[in-house]
Amino acid sequence: MNQLKLFFEERAFGVCSKLGEKFNFPIDSIRLFFIYSSFITLGSPIILYVSMAMMMKVRKYLRKMNNPVLFD
C-alpha cells in the first residue's frame, strides 16, 4: 500500500500538495475532495485538475526561462 502511494505521489503533477501548501490545508483532504467530486459530477473536476497542472508547468517553464543558469 505504501509503495502504491509513493508511486502516485512521484508521478503526480503536485497540484494538491501545492494547493495545500498555499492555503495551509491538509493535502489528503484536497485529494479526497477531487476524488469524491469527480465521482459526483462525472469527472468535471479532472478538467480543472489538469488545467491547474498545466498552468503550474507553464509557470515553472517561464521562471526557468527568466532565470537561466550561466556557465562560465
PDB file of N, CA and C in Angstrom:
ATOM      1  N   MET A   1       0.819  -1.197   0.000  1.00  0.00           N
ATOM      2  CA  MET A   1       0.000   0.000   0.000  1.00  0.00           C
ATOM      3  C   MET A   1       0.865   1.264   0.000  1.00  0.00           C
ATOM      4  N   ASN A   2       1.911   1.261   0.797  1.00  0.00           N
ATOM      5  CA  ASN A   2       2.790   2.421   0.882  1.00  0.00           C
ATOM      6  C   ASN A   2       3.545   2.629  -0.425  1.00  0.00           C
ATOM      7  N   GLN A   3       3.921   1.531  -1.089  1.00  0.00           N
ATOM      8  CA  GLN A   3       4.621   1.640  -2.363  1.00  0.00           C
ATOM      9  C   GLN A   3       3.703   2.218  -3.436  1.00  0.00           C
ATOM     10  N   LEU A   4       2.442   1.851  -3.395  1.00  0.00           N
ATOM     11  CA  LEU A   4       1.477   2.380  -4.356  1.00  0.00           C
ATOM     12  C   LEU A   4       1.291   3.885  -4.170  1.00  0.00           C
ATOM     13  N   LYS A   5       1.195   4.324  -2.930  1.00  0.00           N
ATOM     14  CA  LYS A   5       1.055   5.751  -2.637  1.00  0.00           C
ATOM     15  C   LYS A   5       2.300   6.515  -3.091  1.00  0.00           C
ATOM     16  N   LEU A   6       3.465   5.971  -2.828  1.00  0.00           N
ATOM     17  CA  LEU A   6       4.713   6.602  -3.245  1.00  0.00           C
ATOM     18  C   LEU A   6       4.803   6.684  -4.773  1.00  0.00           C
ATOM     19  N   PHE A   7       4.353   5.634  -5.456  1.00  0.00           N
ATOM     20  CA  PHE A   7       4.360   5.610  -6.917  1.00  0.00           C
ATOM     21  C   PHE A   7       3.545   6.760  -7.483  1.00  0.00           C
ATOM     22  N   PHE A   8       2.340   6.963  -6.974  1.00  0.00           N
ATOM     23  CA  PHE A   8       1.475   8.017  -7.491  1.00  0.00           C
ATOM     24  C   PHE A   8       1.952   9.407  -7.082  1.00  0.00           C
ATOM     25  N   GLU A   9       2.506   9.551  -5.900  1.00  0.00           N
ATOM     26  CA  GLU A   9       2.998  10.854  -5.467  1.00  0.00           C
ATOM     27  C   GLU A   9       4.208  11.293  -6.290  1.00  0.00           C
ATOM     28  N   GLU A  10       5.043  10.350  -6.701  1.00  0.00           N
ATOM     29  CA  GLU A  10       6.212  10.701  -7.508  1.00  0.00           C
ATOM     30  C   GLU A  10       5.818  11.113  -8.918  1.00  0.00           C
ATOM     31  N   ARG A  11       4.749  10.533  -9.442  1.00  0.00           N
ATOM     32  CA  ARG A  11       4.367  10.780 -10.824  1.00  0.00           C
ATOM     33  C   ARG A  11       3.188  11.724 -10.973  1.00  0.00           C
ATOM     34  N   ALA A  12       2.654  12.215  -9.897  1.00  0.00           N
ATOM     35  CA  ALA A  12       1.529  13.153  -9.958  1.00  0.00           C
ATOM     36  C   ALA A  12       2.052  14.553 -10.281  1.00  0.00           C
ATOM     37  N   PHE A  13       1.142  15.416 -10.634  1.00  0.00           N
ATOM     38  CA  PHE A  13       1.521  16.774 -11.003  1.00  0.00           C
ATOM     39  C   PHE A  13       1.846  17.651  -9.795  1.00  0.00           C
ATOM     40  N   GLY A  14       1.384  17.294  -8.619  1.00  0.00           N
ATOM     41  CA  GLY A  14       1.652  18.080  -7.429  1.00  0.00           C
ATOM     42  C   GLY A  14       0.654  19.196  -7.208  1.00  0.00           C
ATOM     43  N   VAL A  15      -0.494  19.124  -7.852  1.00  0.00           N
ATOM     44  CA  VAL A  15      -1.499  20.178  -7.721  1.00  0.00           C
ATOM     45  C   VAL A  15      -2.051  20.206  -6.303  1.00  0.00           C
ATOM     46  N   CYS A  16      -2.407  19.047  -5.763  1.00  0.00           N
ATOM     47  CA  CYS A  16      -2.995  19.001  -4.422  1.00  0.00           C
ATOM     48  C   CYS A  16      -1.996  19.464  -3.356  1.00  0.00           C
ATOM     49  N   SER A  17      -0.747  19.058  -3.483  1.00  0.00           N
ATOM     50  CA  SER A  17       0.245  19.476  -2.495  1.00  0.00           C
ATOM     51  C   SER A  17       0.518  20.973  -2.583  1.00  0.00           C
ATOM     52  N   LYS A  18       0.525  21.509  -3.797  1.00  0.00           N
ATOM     53  CA  LYS A  18       0.738  22.951  -3.968  1.00  0.00           C
ATOM     54  C   LYS A  18      -0.420  23.744  -3.373  1.00  0.00           C
ATOM     55  N   LEU A  19      -1.657  23.282  -3.618  1.00  0.00           N
ATOM     56  CA  LEU A  19      -2.816  23.954  -3.032  1.00  0.00           C
ATOM     57  C   LEU A  19      -2.794  23.858  -1.510  1.00  0.00           C
ATOM     58  N   GLY A  20      -2.413  22.689  -1.004  1.00  0.00           N
ATOM     59  CA  GLY A  20      -2.340  22.503   0.442  1.00  0.00           C
ATOM     60  C   GLY A  20      -1.325  23.420   1.099  1.00  0.00           C
ATOM     61  N   GLU A  21      -0.185  23.581   0.448  1.00  0.00           N
ATOM     62  CA  GLU A  21       0.843  24.473   0.982  1.00  0.00           C
ATOM     63  C   GLU A  21       0.392  25.930   0.924  1.00  0.00           C
ATOM     64  N   LYS A  22      -0.234  26.299  -0.189  1.00  0.00           N
ATOM     65  CA  LYS A  22      -0.628  27.692  -0.376  1.00  0.00           C
ATOM     66  C   LYS A  22      -1.734  28.119   0.595  1.00  0.00           C
ATOM     67  N   PHE A  23      -2.728  27.241   0.787  1.00  0.00           N
ATOM     68  CA  PHE A  23      -3.862  27.587   1.635  1.00  0.00           C
ATOM     69  C   PHE A  23      -3.774  27.004   3.036  1.00  0.00           C
ATOM     70  N   ASN A  24      -2.648  26.350   3.356  1.00  0.00           N
ATOM     71  CA  ASN A  24      -2.421  25.760   4.667  1.00  0.00           C
ATOM     72  C   ASN A  24      -3.575  24.823   5.036  1.00  0.00           C
ATOM     73  N   PHE A  25      -3.823  23.865   4.151  1.00  0.00           N
ATOM     74  CA  PHE A  25      -4.925  22.920   4.287  1.00  0.00           C
ATOM     75  C   PHE A  25      -4.356  21.519   4.101  1.00  0.00           C
ATOM     76  N   PRO A  26      -4.890  20.513   4.791  1.00  0.00           N
ATOM     77  CA  PRO A  26      -4.339  19.159   4.645  1.00  0.00           C
ATOM     78  C   PRO A  26      -4.447  18.636   3.216  1.00  0.00           C
ATOM     79  N   ILE A  27      -3.356  18.097   2.723  1.00  0.00           N
ATOM     80  CA  ILE A  27      -3.284  17.626   1.340  1.00  0.00           C
ATOM     81  C   ILE A  27      -4.235  16.462   1.098  1.00  0.00           C
ATOM     82  N   ASP A  28      -4.346  15.568   2.081  1.00  0.00           N
ATOM     83  CA  ASP A  28      -5.242  14.425   1.918  1.00  0.00           C
ATOM     84  C   ASP A  28      -6.693  14.861   1.746  1.00  0.00           C
ATOM     85  N   SER A  29      -7.089  15.920   2.420  1.00  0.00           N
ATOM     86  CA  SER A  29      -8.455  16.423   2.280  1.00  0.00           C
ATOM     87  C   SER A  29      -8.698  16.975   0.879  1.00  0.00           C
ATOM     88  N   ILE A  30      -7.715  17.628   0.323  1.00  0.00           N
ATOM     89  CA  ILE A  30      -7.849  18.168  -1.032  1.00  0.00           C
ATOM     90  C   ILE A  30      -7.932  17.025  -2.038  1.00  0.00           C
ATOM     91  N   ARG A  31      -7.110  16.008  -1.851  1.00  0.00           N
ATOM     92  CA  ARG A  31      -7.159  14.852  -2.752  1.00  0.00           C
ATOM     93  C   ARG A  31      -8.524  14.167  -2.682  1.00  0.00           C
ATOM     94  N   LEU A  32      -9.029  13.979  -1.467  1.00  0.00           N
ATOM     95  CA  LEU A  32     -10.348  13.358  -1.322  1.00  0.00           C
ATOM     96  C   LEU A  32     -11.434  14.209  -1.957  1.00  0.00           C
ATOM     97  N   PHE A  33     -11.315  15.529  -1.846  1.00  0.00           N
ATOM     98  CA  PHE A  33     -12.288  16.408  -2.493  1.00  0.00           C
ATOM     99  C   PHE A  33     -12.303  16.180  -4.000  1.00  0.00           C
ATOM    100  N   PHE A  34     -11.126  16.133  -4.616  1.00  0.00           N
ATOM    101  CA  PHE A  34     -11.059  15.906  -6.058  1.00  0.00           C
ATOM    102  C   PHE A  34     -11.636  14.539  -6.431  1.00  0.00           C
ATOM    103  N   ILE A  35     -11.341  13.526  -5.636  1.00  0.00           N
ATOM    104  CA  ILE A  35     -11.837  12.179  -5.943  1.00  0.00           C
ATOM    105  C   ILE A  35     -13.353  12.116  -5.819  1.00  0.00           C
ATOM    106  N   TYR A  36     -13.892  12.578  -4.687  1.00  0.00           N
ATOM    107  CA  TYR A  36     -15.337  12.495  -4.471  1.00  0.00           C
ATOM    108  C   TYR A  36     -16.111  13.396  -5.428  1.00  0.00           C
ATOM    109  N   SER A  37     -15.614  14.586  -5.657  1.00  0.00           N
ATOM    110  CA  SER A  37     -16.328  15.476  -6.573  1.00  0.00           C
ATOM    111  C   SER A  37     -16.267  14.965  -8.007  1.00  0.00           C
ATOM    112  N   SER A  38     -15.211  14.231  -8.354  1.00  0.00           N
ATOM    113  CA  SER A  38     -15.141  13.637  -9.694  1.00  0.00           C
ATOM    114  C   SER A  38     -16.203  12.557  -9.870  1.00  0.00           C
ATOM    115  N   PHE A  39     -16.443  11.780  -8.824  1.00  0.00           N
ATOM    116  CA  PHE A  39     -17.489  10.762  -8.912  1.00  0.00           C
ATOM    117  C   PHE A  39     -18.876  11.390  -8.954  1.00  0.00           C
ATOM    118  N   ILE A  40     -19.085  12.423  -8.162  1.00  0.00           N
ATOM    119  CA  ILE A  40     -20.408  13.042  -8.086  1.00  0.00           C
ATOM    120  C   ILE A  40     -20.746  13.792  -9.365  1.00  0.00           C
ATOM    121  N   THR A  41     -19.765  14.507  -9.929  1.00  0.00           N
ATOM    122  CA  THR A  41     -20.037  15.342 -11.100  1.00  0.00           C
ATOM    123  C   THR A  41     -19.576  14.700 -12.406  1.00  0.00           C
ATOM    124  N   LEU A  42     -19.340  13.406 -12.376  1.00  0.00           N
ATOM    125  CA  LEU A  42     -18.959  12.642 -13.567  1.00  0.00           C
ATOM    126  C   LEU A  42     -17.676  13.137 -14.226  1.00  0.00           C
ATOM    127  N   GLY A  43     -16.703  13.534 -13.425  1.00  0.00           N
ATOM    128  CA  GLY A  43     -15.369  13.800 -13.941  1.00  0.00           C
ATOM    129  C   GLY A  43     -15.016  15.231 -14.266  1.00  0.00           C
ATOM    130  N   SER A  44     -15.905  16.181 -14.062  1.00  0.00           N
ATOM    131  CA  SER A  44     -15.561  17.559 -14.425  1.00  0.00           C
ATOM    132  C   SER A  44     -14.409  18.144 -13.604  1.00  0.00           C
ATOM    133  N   PRO A  45     -14.203  17.784 -12.334  1.00  0.00           N
ATOM    134  CA  PRO A  45     -13.023  18.305 -11.629  1.00  0.00           C
ATOM    135  C   PRO A  45     -11.698  17.821 -12.209  1.00  0.00           C
ATOM    136  N   ILE A  46     -11.734  16.750 -12.968  1.00  0.00           N
ATOM    137  CA  ILE A  46     -10.498  16.282 -13.603  1.00  0.00           C
ATOM    138  C   ILE A  46     -10.008  17.317 -14.604  1.00  0.00           C
ATOM    139  N   ILE A  47     -10.937  17.971 -15.295  1.00  0.00           N
ATOM    140  CA  ILE A  47     -10.570  19.036 -16.232  1.00  0.00           C
ATOM    141  C   ILE A  47      -9.912  20.184 -15.480  1.00  0.00           C
ATOM    142  N   LEU A  48     -10.456  20.547 -14.338  1.00  0.00           N
ATOM    143  CA  LEU A  48      -9.882  21.603 -13.502  1.00  0.00           C
ATOM    144  C   LEU A  48      -8.493  21.200 -13.020  1.00  0.00           C
ATOM    145  N   TYR A  49      -8.352  19.960 -12.583  1.00  0.00           N
ATOM    146  CA  TYR A  49      -7.071  19.466 -12.089  1.00  0.00           C
ATOM    147  C   TYR A  49      -6.001  19.516 -13.178  1.00  0.00           C
ATOM    148  N   VAL A  50      -6.339  19.040 -14.371  1.00  0.00           N
ATOM    149  CA  VAL A  50      -5.372  19.011 -15.466  1.00  0.00           C
ATOM    150  C   VAL A  50      -5.017  20.433 -15.906  1.00  0.00           C
ATOM    151  N   SER A  51      -5.998  21.332 -15.936  1.00  0.00           N
ATOM    152  CA  SER A  51      -5.692  22.713 -16.324  1.00  0.00           C
ATOM    153  C   SER A  51      -4.796  23.387 -15.293  1.00  0.00           C
ATOM    154  N   MET A  52      -5.019  23.111 -14.004  1.00  0.00           N
ATOM    155  CA  MET A  52      -4.142  23.666 -12.967  1.00  0.00           C
ATOM    156  C   MET A  52      -2.744  23.074 -13.080  1.00  0.00           C
ATOM    157  N   ALA A  53      -2.645  21.798 -13.417  1.00  0.00           N
ATOM    158  CA  ALA A  53      -1.335  21.167 -13.598  1.00  0.00           C
ATOM    159  C   ALA A  53      -0.587  21.794 -14.763  1.00  0.00           C
ATOM    160  N   MET A  54      -1.294  22.057 -15.838  1.00  0.00           N
ATOM    161  CA  MET A  54      -0.657  22.696 -16.994  1.00  0.00           C
ATOM    162  C   MET A  54      -0.202  24.114 -16.667  1.00  0.00           C
ATOM    163  N   MET A  55      -1.014  24.847 -15.922  1.00  0.00           N
ATOM    164  CA  MET A  55      -0.605  26.201 -15.509  1.00  0.00           C
ATOM    165  C   MET A  55       0.655  26.154 -14.666  1.00  0.00           C
ATOM    166  N   MET A  56       0.742  25.162 -13.768  1.00  0.00           N
ATOM    167  CA  MET A  56       1.933  25.036 -12.938  1.00  0.00           C
ATOM    168  C   MET A  56       3.163  24.731 -13.784  1.00  0.00           C
ATOM    169  N   LYS A  57       3.009  23.868 -14.788  1.00  0.00           N
ATOM    170  CA  LYS A  57       4.139  23.526 -15.658  1.00  0.00           C
ATOM    171  C   LYS A  57       4.581  24.729 -16.489  1.00  0.00           C
ATOM    172  N   VAL A  58       3.629  25.494 -16.993  1.00  0.00           N
ATOM    173  CA  VAL A  58       3.960  26.681 -17.793  1.00  0.00           C
ATOM    174  C   VAL A  58       4.658  27.718 -16.930  1.00  0.00           C
ATOM    175  N   ARG A  59       4.152  27.949 -15.724  1.00  0.00           N
ATOM    176  CA  ARG A  59       4.784  28.917 -14.823  1.00  0.00           C
ATOM    177  C   ARG A  59       6.209  28.490 -14.480  1.00  0.00           C
ATOM    178  N   LYS A  60       6.402  27.184 -14.238  1.00  0.00           N
ATOM    179  CA  LYS A  60       7.738  26.678 -13.934  1.00  0.00           C
ATOM    180  C   LYS A  60       8.669  26.872 -15.130  1.00  0.00           C
ATOM    181  N   TYR A  61       8.162  26.624 -16.323  1.00  0.00           N
ATOM    182  CA  TYR A  61       8.953  26.811 -17.541  1.00  0.00           C
ATOM    183  C   TYR A  61       9.320  28.278 -17.730  1.00  0.00           C
ATOM    184  N   LEU A  62       8.360  29.188 -17.503  1.00  0.00           N
ATOM    185  CA  LEU A  62       8.633  30.619 -17.671  1.00  0.00           C
ATOM    186  C   LEU A  62       9.644  31.125 -16.646  1.00  0.00           C
ATOM    187  N   ARG A  63       9.548  30.634 -15.427  1.00  0.00           N
ATOM    188  CA  ARG A  63      10.536  31.021 -14.416  1.00  0.00           C
ATOM    189  C   ARG A  63      11.928  30.536 -14.807  1.00  0.00           C
ATOM    190  N   LYS A  64      11.986  29.344 -15.359  1.00  0.00           N
ATOM    191  CA  LYS A  64      13.266  28.788 -15.785  1.00  0.00           C
ATOM    192  C   LYS A  64      13.857  29.611 -16.923  1.00  0.00           C
ATOM    193  N   MET A  65      13.020  30.090 -17.824  1.00  0.00           N
ATOM    194  CA  MET A  65      13.494  30.898 -18.952  1.00  0.00           C
ATOM    195  C   MET A  65      13.934  32.291 -18.506  1.00  0.00           C
ATOM    196  N   ASN A  66      13.296  32.832 -17.468  1.00  0.00           N
ATOM    197  CA  ASN A  66      13.655  34.165 -16.980  1.00  0.00           C
ATOM    198  C   ASN A  66      14.913  34.152 -16.124  1.00  0.00           C
ATOM    199  N   ASN A  67      15.251  33.008 -15.563  1.00  0.00           N
ATOM    200  CA  ASN A  67      16.433  32.895 -14.712  1.00  0.00           C
ATOM    201  C   ASN A  67      17.366  31.807 -15.241  1.00  0.00           C
ATOM    202  N   PRO A  68      17.955  32.034 -16.396  1.00  0.00           N
ATOM    203  CA  PRO A  68      18.846  30.991 -16.942  1.00  0.00           C
ATOM    204  C   PRO A  68      20.120  30.883 -16.116  1.00  0.00           C
ATOM    205  N   VAL A  69      20.612  29.673 -16.036  1.00  0.00           N
ATOM    206  CA  VAL A  69      21.856  29.425 -15.318  1.00  0.00           C
ATOM    207  C   VAL A  69      23.003  29.665 -16.298  1.00  0.00           C
ATOM    208  N   LEU A  70      23.911  30.520 -15.891  1.00  0.00           N
ATOM    209  CA  LEU A  70      25.050  30.855 -16.760  1.00  0.00           C
ATOM    210  C   LEU A  70      26.262  30.044 -16.342  1.00  0.00           C
ATOM    211  N   PHE A  71      26.859  29.381 -17.312  1.00  0.00           N
ATOM    212  CA  PHE A  71      28.070  28.619 -17.051  1.00  0.00           C
ATOM    213  C   PHE A  71      29.255  29.382 -17.636  1.00  0.00           C
ATOM    214  N   ASP A  72      30.290  29.548 -16.853  1.00  0.00           N
ATOM    215  CA  ASP A  72      31.496  30.257 -17.323  1.00  0.00           C
ATOM    216  C   ASP A  72      32.524  29.291 -17.827  1.00  0.00           C
TER     217      ASP A  72
END
